[in-house]
PDB file of N, CA and C in Angstrom:
ATOM      1  N   MET A   1      80.615  44.863  78.583  1.00  0.00           N
ATOM      2  CA  MET A   1      81.894  45.512  78.753  1.00  0.00           C
ATOM      3  C   MET A   1      82.916  44.990  77.745  1.00  0.00           C
ATOM      4  N   SER A   2      82.819  43.707  77.421  1.00  0.00           N
ATOM      5  CA  SER A   2      83.766  43.164  76.439  1.00  0.00           C
ATOM      6  C   SER A   2      83.535  43.767  75.064  1.00  0.00           C
ATOM      7  N   ALA A   3      82.292  44.057  74.692  1.00  0.00           N
ATOM      8  CA  ALA A   3      82.010  44.686  73.402  1.00  0.00           C
ATOM      9  C   ALA A   3      82.577  46.102  73.363  1.00  0.00           C
ATOM     10  N   VAL A   4      82.496  46.837  74.462  1.00  0.00           N
ATOM     11  CA  VAL A   4      83.076  48.178  74.511  1.00  0.00           C
ATOM     12  C   VAL A   4      84.585  48.083  74.366  1.00  0.00           C
ATOM     13  N   GLN A   5      85.215  47.185  75.110  1.00  0.00           N
ATOM     14  CA  GLN A   5      86.670  47.028  75.026  1.00  0.00           C
ATOM     15  C   GLN A   5      87.109  46.678  73.609  1.00  0.00           C
ATOM     16  N   ALA A   6      86.319  45.892  72.900  1.00  0.00           N
ATOM     17  CA  ALA A   6      86.668  45.462  71.543  1.00  0.00           C
ATOM     18  C   ALA A   6      86.326  46.514  70.488  1.00  0.00           C
ATOM     19  N   GLY A   7      85.646  47.582  70.893  1.00  0.00           N
ATOM     20  CA  GLY A   7      85.234  48.599  69.928  1.00  0.00           C
ATOM     21  C   GLY A   7      84.120  48.111  69.011  1.00  0.00           C
ATOM     22  N   ALA A   8      83.337  47.146  69.495  1.00  0.00           N
ATOM     23  CA  ALA A   8      82.297  46.498  68.692  1.00  0.00           C
ATOM     24  C   ALA A   8      80.964  47.223  68.889  1.00  0.00           C
ATOM     25  N   ARG A   9      80.822  48.367  68.235  1.00  0.00           N
ATOM     26  CA  ARG A   9      79.643  49.218  68.398  1.00  0.00           C
ATOM     27  C   ARG A   9      78.338  48.466  68.143  1.00  0.00           C
ATOM     28  N   ASP A  10      78.208  47.834  66.992  1.00  0.00           N
ATOM     29  CA  ASP A  10      76.949  47.182  66.637  1.00  0.00           C
ATOM     30  C   ASP A  10      76.615  46.034  67.581  1.00  0.00           C
ATOM     31  N   ASP A  11      77.641  45.294  67.999  1.00  0.00           N
ATOM     32  CA  ASP A  11      77.412  44.211  68.964  1.00  0.00           C
ATOM     33  C   ASP A  11      76.892  44.777  70.285  1.00  0.00           C
ATOM     34  N   TRP A  12      77.515  45.874  70.742  1.00  0.00           N
ATOM     35  CA  TRP A  12      77.103  46.486  72.008  1.00  0.00           C
ATOM     36  C   TRP A  12      75.690  47.021  71.928  1.00  0.00           C
ATOM     37  N   VAL A  13      75.400  47.786  70.873  1.00  0.00           N
ATOM     38  CA  VAL A  13      74.062  48.349  70.715  1.00  0.00           C
ATOM     39  C   VAL A  13      73.028  47.221  70.620  1.00  0.00           C
ATOM     40  N   GLY A  14      73.379  46.124  69.968  1.00  0.00           N
ATOM     41  CA  GLY A  14      72.466  44.995  69.804  1.00  0.00           C
ATOM     42  C   GLY A  14      72.115  44.284  71.097  1.00  0.00           C
ATOM     43  N   LEU A  15      72.850  44.535  72.165  1.00  0.00           N
ATOM     44  CA  LEU A  15      72.542  43.924  73.462  1.00  0.00           C
ATOM     45  C   LEU A  15      71.324  44.568  74.138  1.00  0.00           C
ATOM     46  N   PHE A  16      70.954  45.775  73.678  1.00  0.00           N
ATOM     47  CA  PHE A  16      69.890  46.550  74.310  1.00  0.00           C
ATOM     48  C   PHE A  16      68.545  46.265  73.676  1.00  0.00           C
ATOM     49  N   ALA A  17      67.501  46.287  74.493  1.00  0.00           N
ATOM     50  CA  ALA A  17      66.121  46.205  74.001  1.00  0.00           C
ATOM     51  C   ALA A  17      65.797  47.476  73.211  1.00  0.00           C
ATOM     52  N   ASP A  18      64.827  47.389  72.318  1.00  0.00           N
ATOM     53  CA  ASP A  18      64.430  48.556  71.516  1.00  0.00           C
ATOM     54  C   ASP A  18      64.054  49.753  72.388  1.00  0.00           C
ATOM     55  N   ASP A  19      63.444  49.498  73.541  1.00  0.00           N
ATOM     56  CA  ASP A  19      62.985  50.577  74.423  1.00  0.00           C
ATOM     57  C   ASP A  19      63.867  50.742  75.667  1.00  0.00           C
ATOM     58  N   ALA A  20      65.111  50.308  75.583  1.00  0.00           N
ATOM     59  CA  ALA A  20      66.029  50.364  76.730  1.00  0.00           C
ATOM     60  C   ALA A  20      66.335  51.797  77.126  1.00  0.00           C
ATOM     61  N   SER A  21      66.778  51.937  78.378  1.00  0.00           N
ATOM     62  CA  SER A  21      67.247  53.236  78.858  1.00  0.00           C
ATOM     63  C   SER A  21      68.706  53.114  79.286  1.00  0.00           C
ATOM     64  N   LEU A  22      69.429  54.211  79.124  1.00  0.00           N
ATOM     65  CA  LEU A  22      70.849  54.275  79.455  1.00  0.00           C
ATOM     66  C   LEU A  22      71.122  55.574  80.193  1.00  0.00           C
ATOM     67  N   GLU A  23      71.707  55.472  81.370  1.00  0.00           N
ATOM     68  CA  GLU A  23      72.186  56.624  82.136  1.00  0.00           C
ATOM     69  C   GLU A  23      73.650  56.381  82.422  1.00  0.00           C
ATOM     70  N   ASP A  24      74.532  57.099  81.729  1.00  0.00           N
ATOM     71  CA  ASP A  24      75.972  56.874  81.868  1.00  0.00           C
ATOM     72  C   ASP A  24      76.694  58.169  81.602  1.00  0.00           C
ATOM     73  N   PRO A  25      77.042  58.875  82.702  1.00  0.00           N
ATOM     74  CA  PRO A  25      76.844  58.518  84.103  1.00  0.00           C
ATOM     75  C   PRO A  25      75.469  58.949  84.618  1.00  0.00           C
ATOM     76  N   VAL A  26      75.078  58.362  85.740  1.00  0.00           N
ATOM     77  CA  VAL A  26      73.883  58.813  86.443  1.00  0.00           C
ATOM     78  C   VAL A  26      74.274  60.123  87.124  1.00  0.00           C
ATOM     79  N   ASP A  27      73.645  61.202  86.685  1.00  0.00           N
ATOM     80  CA  ASP A  27      74.035  62.517  87.219  1.00  0.00           C
ATOM     81  C   ASP A  27      72.873  63.488  87.346  1.00  0.00           C
ATOM     82  N   GLY A  28      71.656  62.976  87.328  1.00  0.00           N
ATOM     83  CA  GLY A  28      70.493  63.837  87.469  1.00  0.00           C
ATOM     84  C   GLY A  28      69.932  64.320  86.153  1.00  0.00           C
ATOM     85  N   ASN A  29      70.660  64.132  85.051  1.00  0.00           N
ATOM     86  CA  ASN A  29      70.155  64.502  83.735  1.00  0.00           C
ATOM     87  C   ASN A  29      69.374  63.341  83.150  1.00  0.00           C
ATOM     88  N   PRO A  30      68.451  63.655  82.246  1.00  0.00           N
ATOM     89  CA  PRO A  30      67.711  62.547  81.617  1.00  0.00           C
ATOM     90  C   PRO A  30      68.677  61.646  80.853  1.00  0.00           C
ATOM     91  N   GLY A  31      68.436  60.383  80.922  1.00  0.00           N
ATOM     92  CA  GLY A  31      69.263  59.437  80.190  1.00  0.00           C
ATOM     93  C   GLY A  31      68.829  59.362  78.746  1.00  0.00           C
ATOM     94  N   ARG A  32      69.296  58.362  78.092  1.00  0.00           N
ATOM     95  CA  ARG A  32      68.928  58.108  76.705  1.00  0.00           C
ATOM     96  C   ARG A  32      67.918  56.978  76.672  1.00  0.00           C
ATOM     97  N   LEU A  33      66.943  57.113  75.791  1.00  0.00           N
ATOM     98  CA  LEU A  33      65.881  56.119  75.716  1.00  0.00           C
ATOM     99  C   LEU A  33      65.787  55.598  74.294  1.00  0.00           C
ATOM    100  N   GLY A  34      65.878  54.292  74.152  1.00  0.00           N
ATOM    101  CA  GLY A  34      65.746  53.651  72.859  1.00  0.00           C
ATOM    102  C   GLY A  34      67.089  53.337  72.232  1.00  0.00           C
ATOM    103  N   ARG A  35      67.073  52.341  71.374  1.00  0.00           N
ATOM    104  CA  ARG A  35      68.310  51.849  70.765  1.00  0.00           C
ATOM    105  C   ARG A  35      69.010  52.928  69.918  1.00  0.00           C
ATOM    106  N   ALA A  36      68.262  53.749  69.199  1.00  0.00           N
ATOM    107  CA  ALA A  36      68.898  54.791  68.371  1.00  0.00           C
ATOM    108  C   ALA A  36      69.640  55.804  69.255  1.00  0.00           C
ATOM    109  N   ALA A  37      69.047  56.193  70.368  1.00  0.00           N
ATOM    110  CA  ALA A  37      69.708  57.135  71.280  1.00  0.00           C
ATOM    111  C   ALA A  37      70.931  56.493  71.933  1.00  0.00           C
ATOM    112  N   ILE A  38      70.853  55.209  72.204  1.00  0.00           N
ATOM    113  CA  ILE A  38      71.983  54.497  72.796  1.00  0.00           C
ATOM    114  C   ILE A  38      73.113  54.392  71.771  1.00  0.00           C
ATOM    115  N   ALA A  39      72.786  54.157  70.502  1.00  0.00           N
ATOM    116  CA  ALA A  39      73.804  54.138  69.439  1.00  0.00           C
ATOM    117  C   ALA A  39      74.464  55.514  69.327  1.00  0.00           C
ATOM    118  N   SER A  40      73.674  56.574  69.456  1.00  0.00           N
ATOM    119  CA  SER A  40      74.229  57.931  69.413  1.00  0.00           C
ATOM    120  C   SER A  40      75.185  58.160  70.590  1.00  0.00           C
ATOM    121  N   PHE A  41      74.851  57.607  71.754  1.00  0.00           N
ATOM    122  CA  PHE A  41      75.741  57.708  72.912  1.00  0.00           C
ATOM    123  C   PHE A  41      77.090  57.093  72.584  1.00  0.00           C
ATOM    124  N   TRP A  42      77.090  55.948  71.918  1.00  0.00           N
ATOM    125  CA  TRP A  42      78.365  55.338  71.521  1.00  0.00           C
ATOM    126  C   TRP A  42      79.141  56.328  70.656  1.00  0.00           C
ATOM    127  N   ASP A  43      78.467  56.895  69.664  1.00  0.00           N
ATOM    128  CA  ASP A  43      79.132  57.762  68.702  1.00  0.00           C
ATOM    129  C   ASP A  43      79.724  59.024  69.330  1.00  0.00           C
ATOM    130  N   THR A  44      79.100  59.511  70.381  1.00  0.00           N
ATOM    131  CA  THR A  44      79.579  60.749  71.007  1.00  0.00           C
ATOM    132  C   THR A  44      80.341  60.523  72.315  1.00  0.00           C
ATOM    133  N   GLY A  45      80.078  59.414  72.987  1.00  0.00           N
ATOM    134  CA  GLY A  45      80.670  59.225  74.311  1.00  0.00           C
ATOM    135  C   GLY A  45      81.687  58.114  74.428  1.00  0.00           C
ATOM    136  N   ILE A  46      81.674  57.172  73.510  1.00  0.00           N
ATOM    137  CA  ILE A  46      82.609  56.040  73.586  1.00  0.00           C
ATOM    138  C   ILE A  46      83.614  56.079  72.436  1.00  0.00           C
ATOM    139  N   ALA A  47      83.137  56.394  71.231  1.00  0.00           N
ATOM    140  CA  ALA A  47      83.988  56.337  70.050  1.00  0.00           C
ATOM    141  C   ALA A  47      85.187  57.285  70.116  1.00  0.00           C
ATOM    142  N   MET A  48      85.108  58.312  70.949  1.00  0.00           N
ATOM    143  CA  MET A  48      86.218  59.270  71.042  1.00  0.00           C
ATOM    144  C   MET A  48      87.482  58.660  71.653  1.00  0.00           C
ATOM    145  N   PHE A  49      87.323  57.554  72.368  1.00  0.00           N
ATOM    146  CA  PHE A  49      88.458  56.961  73.053  1.00  0.00           C
ATOM    147  C   PHE A  49      89.216  55.992  72.152  1.00  0.00           C
ATOM    148  N   ASP A  50      90.545  56.016  72.278  1.00  0.00           N
ATOM    149  CA  ASP A  50      91.367  55.013  71.615  1.00  0.00           C
ATOM    150  C   ASP A  50      91.177  53.658  72.277  1.00  0.00           C
ATOM    151  N   SER A  51      91.010  53.685  73.594  1.00  0.00           N
ATOM    152  CA  SER A  51      90.786  52.432  74.305  1.00  0.00           C
ATOM    153  C   SER A  51      89.954  52.669  75.551  1.00  0.00           C
ATOM    154  N   VAL A  52      89.185  51.648  75.883  1.00  0.00           N
ATOM    155  CA  VAL A  52      88.424  51.599  77.120  1.00  0.00           C
ATOM    156  C   VAL A  52      88.655  50.195  77.676  1.00  0.00           C
ATOM    157  N   GLU A  53      89.152  50.128  78.901  1.00  0.00           N
ATOM    158  CA  GLU A  53      89.423  48.838  79.533  1.00  0.00           C
ATOM    159  C   GLU A  53      88.746  48.788  80.891  1.00  0.00           C
ATOM    160  N   PHE A  54      88.103  47.657  81.150  1.00  0.00           N
ATOM    161  CA  PHE A  54      87.423  47.441  82.431  1.00  0.00           C
ATOM    162  C   PHE A  54      88.180  46.395  83.232  1.00  0.00           C
ATOM    163  N   ASP A  55      88.458  46.712  84.476  1.00  0.00           N
ATOM    164  CA  ASP A  55      89.010  45.744  85.417  1.00  0.00           C
ATOM    165  C   ASP A  55      87.900  45.468  86.430  1.00  0.00           C
ATOM    166  N   VAL A  56      87.141  44.405  86.180  1.00  0.00           N
ATOM    167  CA  VAL A  56      85.986  44.076  87.023  1.00  0.00           C
ATOM    168  C   VAL A  56      86.494  43.582  88.370  1.00  0.00           C
ATOM    169  N   ARG A  57      86.091  44.263  89.408  1.00  0.00           N
ATOM    170  CA  ARG A  57      86.496  43.895  90.764  1.00  0.00           C
ATOM    171  C   ARG A  57      85.492  42.992  91.445  1.00  0.00           C
ATOM    172  N   ARG A  58      84.209  43.181  91.114  1.00  0.00           N
ATOM    173  CA  ARG A  58      83.173  42.405  91.805  1.00  0.00           C
ATOM    174  C   ARG A  58      81.892  42.481  90.984  1.00  0.00           C
ATOM    175  N   THR A  59      81.148  41.383  90.973  1.00  0.00           N
ATOM    176  CA  THR A  59      79.837  41.339  90.322  1.00  0.00           C
ATOM    177  C   THR A  59      78.838  40.750  91.295  1.00  0.00           C
ATOM    178  N   TYR A  60      77.715  41.426  91.448  1.00  0.00           N
ATOM    179  CA  TYR A  60      76.610  40.936  92.276  1.00  0.00           C
ATOM    180  C   TYR A  60      75.448  40.639  91.330  1.00  0.00           C
ATOM    181  N   GLU A  61      74.965  39.429  91.359  1.00  0.00           N
ATOM    182  CA  GLU A  61      73.892  39.031  90.463  1.00  0.00           C
ATOM    183  C   GLU A  61      72.625  38.685  91.221  1.00  0.00           C
ATOM    184  N   ALA A  62      71.506  38.991  90.589  1.00  0.00           N
ATOM    185  CA  ALA A  62      70.186  38.617  91.079  1.00  0.00           C
ATOM    186  C   ALA A  62      69.365  38.287  89.831  1.00  0.00           C
ATOM    187  N   PRO A  63      68.239  37.618  89.972  1.00  0.00           N
ATOM    188  CA  PRO A  63      67.440  37.308  88.781  1.00  0.00           C
ATOM    189  C   PRO A  63      67.117  38.563  87.973  1.00  0.00           C
ATOM    190  N   GLY A  64      67.555  38.581  86.736  1.00  0.00           N
ATOM    191  CA  GLY A  64      67.248  39.679  85.831  1.00  0.00           C
ATOM    192  C   GLY A  64      68.046  40.951  86.009  1.00  0.00           C
ATOM    193  N   GLU A  65      69.052  40.943  86.874  1.00  0.00           N
ATOM    194  CA  GLU A  65      69.865  42.145  87.053  1.00  0.00           C
ATOM    195  C   GLU A  65      71.217  41.809  87.638  1.00  0.00           C
ATOM    196  N   ALA A  66      72.127  42.771  87.516  1.00  0.00           N
ATOM    197  CA  ALA A  66      73.466  42.611  88.068  1.00  0.00           C
ATOM    198  C   ALA A  66      74.047  43.990  88.360  1.00  0.00           C
ATOM    199  N   LEU A  67      74.909  44.036  89.351  1.00  0.00           N
ATOM    200  CA  LEU A  67      75.675  45.228  89.671  1.00  0.00           C
ATOM    201  C   LEU A  67      77.141  44.872  89.521  1.00  0.00           C
ATOM    202  N   VAL A  68      77.857  45.624  88.708  1.00  0.00           N
ATOM    203  CA  VAL A  68      79.268  45.353  88.444  1.00  0.00           C
ATOM    204  C   VAL A  68      80.091  46.525  88.963  1.00  0.00           C
ATOM    205  N   LEU A  69      81.064  46.213  89.807  1.00  0.00           N
ATOM    206  CA  LEU A  69      82.018  47.218  90.296  1.00  0.00           C
ATOM    207  C   LEU A  69      83.301  47.037  89.494  1.00  0.00           C
ATOM    208  N   ALA A  70      83.765  48.121  88.869  1.00  0.00           N
ATOM    209  CA  ALA A  70      84.930  48.010  87.996  1.00  0.00           C
ATOM    210  C   ALA A  70      85.772  49.270  88.064  1.00  0.00           C
ATOM    211  N   ASP A  71      87.063  49.090  87.832  1.00  0.00           N
ATOM    212  CA  ASP A  71      87.952  50.205  87.546  1.00  0.00           C
ATOM    213  C   ASP A  71      87.986  50.338  86.031  1.00  0.00           C
ATOM    214  N   VAL A  72      87.913  51.563  85.544  1.00  0.00           N
ATOM    215  CA  VAL A  72      87.848  51.818  84.108  1.00  0.00           C
ATOM    216  C   VAL A  72      89.045  52.669  83.726  1.00  0.00           C
ATOM    217  N   ASN A  73      89.744  52.231  82.682  1.00  0.00           N
ATOM    218  CA  ASN A  73      90.871  52.977  82.123  1.00  0.00           C
ATOM    219  C   ASN A  73      90.502  53.396  80.710  1.00  0.00           C
ATOM    220  N   VAL A  74      90.644  54.684  80.420  1.00  0.00           N
ATOM    221  CA  VAL A  74      90.351  55.191  79.085  1.00  0.00           C
ATOM    222  C   VAL A  74      91.546  55.983  78.581  1.00  0.00           C
ATOM    223  N   SER A  75      91.724  55.992  77.259  1.00  0.00           N
ATOM    224  CA  SER A  75      92.753  56.828  76.655  1.00  0.00           C
ATOM    225  C   SER A  75      92.217  57.461  75.396  1.00  0.00           C
ATOM    226  N   LEU A  76      92.688  58.686  75.154  1.00  0.00           N
ATOM    227  CA  LEU A  76      92.299  59.473  73.986  1.00  0.00           C
ATOM    228  C   LEU A  76      93.422  59.466  72.974  1.00  0.00           C
ATOM    229  N   PRO A  77      93.109  59.757  71.716  1.00  0.00           N
ATOM    230  CA  PRO A  77      94.185  59.980  70.752  1.00  0.00           C
ATOM    231  C   PRO A  77      95.105  61.085  71.276  1.00  0.00           C
ATOM    232  N   GLY A  78      96.370  60.928  71.129  1.00  0.00           N
ATOM    233  CA  GLY A  78      97.303  61.917  71.652  1.00  0.00           C
ATOM    234  C   GLY A  78      97.853  61.572  73.007  1.00  0.00           C
ATOM    235  N   GLY A  79      97.326  60.507  73.631  1.00  0.00           N
ATOM    236  CA  GLY A  79      97.920  60.002  74.865  1.00  0.00           C
ATOM    237  C   GLY A  79      97.260  60.362  76.175  1.00  0.00           C
ATOM    238  N   ALA A  80      96.304  61.272  76.196  1.00  0.00           N
ATOM    239  CA  ALA A  80      95.638  61.575  77.466  1.00  0.00           C
ATOM    240  C   ALA A  80      94.910  60.333  77.952  1.00  0.00           C
ATOM    241  N   HIS A  81      94.975  60.112  79.262  1.00  0.00           N
ATOM    242  CA  HIS A  81      94.312  58.937  79.819  1.00  0.00           C
ATOM    243  C   HIS A  81      93.759  59.254  81.201  1.00  0.00           C
ATOM    244  N   ALA A  82      92.851  58.397  81.633  1.00  0.00           N
ATOM    245  CA  ALA A  82      92.231  58.563  82.944  1.00  0.00           C
ATOM    246  C   ALA A  82      91.835  57.201  83.475  1.00  0.00           C
ATOM    247  N   ARG A  83      91.709  57.146  84.794  1.00  0.00           N
ATOM    248  CA  ARG A  83      91.258  55.931  85.483  1.00  0.00           C
ATOM    249  C   ARG A  83      90.202  56.354  86.491  1.00  0.00           C
ATOM    250  N   TYR A  84      89.096  55.612  86.528  1.00  0.00           N
ATOM    251  CA  TYR A  84      88.056  55.911  87.499  1.00  0.00           C
ATOM    252  C   TYR A  84      87.355  54.614  87.881  1.00  0.00           C
ATOM    253  N   ASP A  85      86.684  54.662  89.027  1.00  0.00           N
ATOM    254  CA  ASP A  85      85.915  53.500  89.462  1.00  0.00           C
ATOM    255  C   ASP A  85      84.453  53.730  89.147  1.00  0.00           C
ATOM    256  N   ALA A  86      83.761  52.643  88.826  1.00  0.00           N
ATOM    257  CA  ALA A  86      82.358  52.736  88.429  1.00  0.00           C
ATOM    258  C   ALA A  86      81.558  51.597  89.051  1.00  0.00           C
ATOM    259  N   ALA A  87      80.289  51.878  89.281  1.00  0.00           N
ATOM    260  CA  ALA A  87      79.307  50.870  89.674  1.00  0.00           C
ATOM    261  C   ALA A  87      78.260  50.882  88.570  1.00  0.00           C
ATOM    262  N   VAL A  88      78.111  49.765  87.862  1.00  0.00           N
ATOM    263  CA  VAL A  88      77.214  49.699  86.714  1.00  0.00           C
ATOM    264  C   VAL A  88      76.093  48.705  87.032  1.00  0.00           C
ATOM    265  N   HIS A  89      74.852  49.204  86.973  1.00  0.00           N
ATOM    266  CA  HIS A  89      73.690  48.363  87.261  1.00  0.00           C
ATOM    267  C   HIS A  89      72.994  48.029  85.949  1.00  0.00           C
ATOM    268  N   TYR A  90      72.866  46.727  85.685  1.00  0.00           N
ATOM    269  CA  TYR A  90      72.173  46.232  84.504  1.00  0.00           C
ATOM    270  C   TYR A  90      70.854  45.594  84.934  1.00  0.00           C
ATOM    271  N   ARG A  91      69.799  45.898  84.189  1.00  0.00           N
ATOM    272  CA  ARG A  91      68.528  45.211  84.370  1.00  0.00           C
ATOM    273  C   ARG A  91      68.146  44.639  83.021  1.00  0.00           C
ATOM    274  N   LEU A  92      67.782  43.353  83.011  1.00  0.00           N
ATOM    275  CA  LEU A  92      67.432  42.662  81.770  1.00  0.00           C
ATOM    276  C   LEU A  92      65.928  42.510  81.642  1.00  0.00           C
ATOM    277  N   ASN A  93      65.460  42.406  80.399  1.00  0.00           N
ATOM    278  CA  ASN A  93      64.046  42.121  80.177  1.00  0.00           C
ATOM    279  C   ASN A  93      63.834  40.604  80.116  1.00  0.00           C
ATOM    280  N   ALA A  94      62.629  40.165  79.846  1.00  0.00           N
ATOM    281  CA  ALA A  94      62.297  38.737  79.865  1.00  0.00           C
ATOM    282  C   ALA A  94      63.030  37.939  78.796  1.00  0.00           C
ATOM    283  N   THR A  95      63.490  38.608  77.727  1.00  0.00           N
ATOM    284  CA  THR A  95      64.203  37.894  76.666  1.00  0.00           C
ATOM    285  C   THR A  95      65.717  38.000  76.802  1.00  0.00           C
ATOM    286  N   GLY A  96      66.182  38.609  77.906  1.00  0.00           N
ATOM    287  CA  GLY A  96      67.615  38.671  78.177  1.00  0.00           C
ATOM    288  C   GLY A  96      68.331  39.870  77.583  1.00  0.00           C
ATOM    289  N   GLU A  97      67.573  40.803  76.972  1.00  0.00           N
ATOM    290  CA  GLU A  97      68.196  42.030  76.469  1.00  0.00           C
ATOM    291  C   GLU A  97      68.352  43.020  77.619  1.00  0.00           C
ATOM    292  N   ILE A  98      69.293  43.945  77.478  1.00  0.00           N
ATOM    293  CA  ILE A  98      69.449  44.980  78.489  1.00  0.00           C
ATOM    294  C   ILE A  98      68.280  45.946  78.392  1.00  0.00           C
ATOM    295  N   ALA A  99      67.507  46.049  79.451  1.00  0.00           N
ATOM    296  CA  ALA A  99      66.383  46.986  79.524  1.00  0.00           C
ATOM    297  C   ALA A  99      66.821  48.313  80.116  1.00  0.00           C
ATOM    298  N   SER A 100      67.825  48.263  80.991  1.00  0.00           N
ATOM    299  CA  SER A 100      68.303  49.461  81.668  1.00  0.00           C
ATOM    300  C   SER A 100      69.761  49.280  82.041  1.00  0.00           C
ATOM    301  N   LEU A 101      70.558  50.307  81.768  1.00  0.00           N
ATOM    302  CA  LEU A 101      71.943  50.357  82.219  1.00  0.00           C
ATOM    303  C   LEU A 101      72.117  51.691  82.910  1.00  0.00           C
ATOM    304  N   ARG A 102      72.540  51.642  84.176  1.00  0.00           N
ATOM    305  CA  ARG A 102      72.795  52.848  84.955  1.00  0.00           C
ATOM    306  C   ARG A 102      74.210  52.765  85.499  1.00  0.00           C
ATOM    307  N   ALA A 103      75.069  53.691  85.072  1.00  0.00           N
ATOM    308  CA  ALA A 103      76.469  53.680  85.475  1.00  0.00           C
ATOM    309  C   ALA A 103      76.740  54.865  86.395  1.00  0.00           C
ATOM    310  N   PHE A 104      77.255  54.565  87.575  1.00  0.00           N
ATOM    311  CA  PHE A 104      77.569  55.581  88.576  1.00  0.00           C
ATOM    312  C   PHE A 104      79.087  55.779  88.585  1.00  0.00           C
ATOM    313  N   TRP A 105      79.520  56.995  88.249  1.00  0.00           N
ATOM    314  CA  TRP A 105      80.929  57.369  88.295  1.00  0.00           C
ATOM    315  C   TRP A 105      81.032  58.882  88.248  1.00  0.00           C
ATOM    316  N   ASP A 106      82.224  59.412  88.454  1.00  0.00           N
ATOM    317  CA  ASP A 106      82.441  60.841  88.631  1.00  0.00           C
ATOM    318  C   ASP A 106      82.946  61.487  87.340  1.00  0.00           C
ATOM    319  N   LEU A 107      82.025  62.080  86.556  1.00  0.00           N
ATOM    320  CA  LEU A 107      82.382  62.712  85.294  1.00  0.00           C
ATOM    321  C   LEU A 107      83.356  63.889  85.477  1.00  0.00           C
ATOM    322  N   PRO A 108      83.146  64.794  86.435  1.00  0.00           N
ATOM    323  CA  PRO A 108      84.121  65.900  86.592  1.00  0.00           C
ATOM    324  C   PRO A 108      85.543  65.406  86.846  1.00  0.00           C
ATOM    325  N   SER A 109      85.698  64.353  87.614  1.00  0.00           N
ATOM    326  CA  SER A 109      87.028  63.801  87.864  1.00  0.00           C
ATOM    327  C   SER A 109      87.654  63.270  86.574  1.00  0.00           C
ATOM    328  N   LEU A 110      86.868  62.587  85.778  1.00  0.00           N
ATOM    329  CA  LEU A 110      87.367  62.077  84.500  1.00  0.00           C
ATOM    330  C   LEU A 110      87.837  63.223  83.609  1.00  0.00           C
ATOM    331  N   MET A 111      87.036  64.276  83.504  1.00  0.00           N
ATOM    332  CA  MET A 111      87.389  65.403  82.646  1.00  0.00           C
ATOM    333  C   MET A 111      88.667  66.087  83.125  1.00  0.00           C
ATOM    334  N   THR A 112      88.823  66.224  84.440  1.00  0.00           N
ATOM    335  CA  THR A 112      90.033  66.824  84.999  1.00  0.00           C
ATOM    336  C   THR A 112      91.256  65.981  84.645  1.00  0.00           C
ATOM    337  N   GLN A 113      91.131  64.675  84.795  1.00  0.00           N
ATOM    338  CA  GLN A 113      92.265  63.800  84.459  1.00  0.00           C
ATOM    339  C   GLN A 113      92.631  63.904  82.978  1.00  0.00           C
ATOM    340  N   LEU A 114      91.628  63.898  82.104  1.00  0.00           N
ATOM    341  CA  LEU A 114      91.892  63.949  80.668  1.00  0.00           C
ATOM    342  C   LEU A 114      92.502  65.290  80.266  1.00  0.00           C
ATOM    343  N   ALA A 115      92.196  66.349  81.026  1.00  0.00           N
ATOM    344  CA  ALA A 115      92.762  67.665  80.737  1.00  0.00           C
ATOM    345  C   ALA A 115      94.168  67.829  81.304  1.00  0.00           C
ATOM    346  N   GLY A 116      94.624  66.785  82.007  1.00  0.00           N
ATOM    347  CA  GLY A 116      95.983  66.836  82.552  1.00  0.00           C
ATOM    348  C   GLY A 116      96.084  67.363  83.963  1.00  0.00           C
ATOM    349  N   GLY A 117      94.915  67.466  84.647  1.00  0.00           N
ATOM    350  CA  GLY A 117      94.914  68.050  85.984  1.00  0.00           C
ATOM    351  C   GLY A 117      94.993  67.104  87.075  1.00  0.00           C
TER     352      GLY A 117
END
């Protein structure tokens, strides 16, 4: 989350295993598989924002995984902004890279907020 907040694309992508999967948001659609697809997600889904800020409310840890509950604030060029709550599940591989990231949040609500609704 700190790499996203800092706009550090390469650092963030580098946290993932070569064969990692990403579902953000988890919505029934196939996620992205592999580091190149995850980098593309940054380019189309994160880079559009002027800022992304996480207010972590709670973290639950277990060996090789964690669940993070956070409020997320995003803003677009031109001033549109939105706030939403998310539950992000991380699973790590044996070398400590992210093997799976699954983020649960409400995409339609985010889009409505950004559209001014």
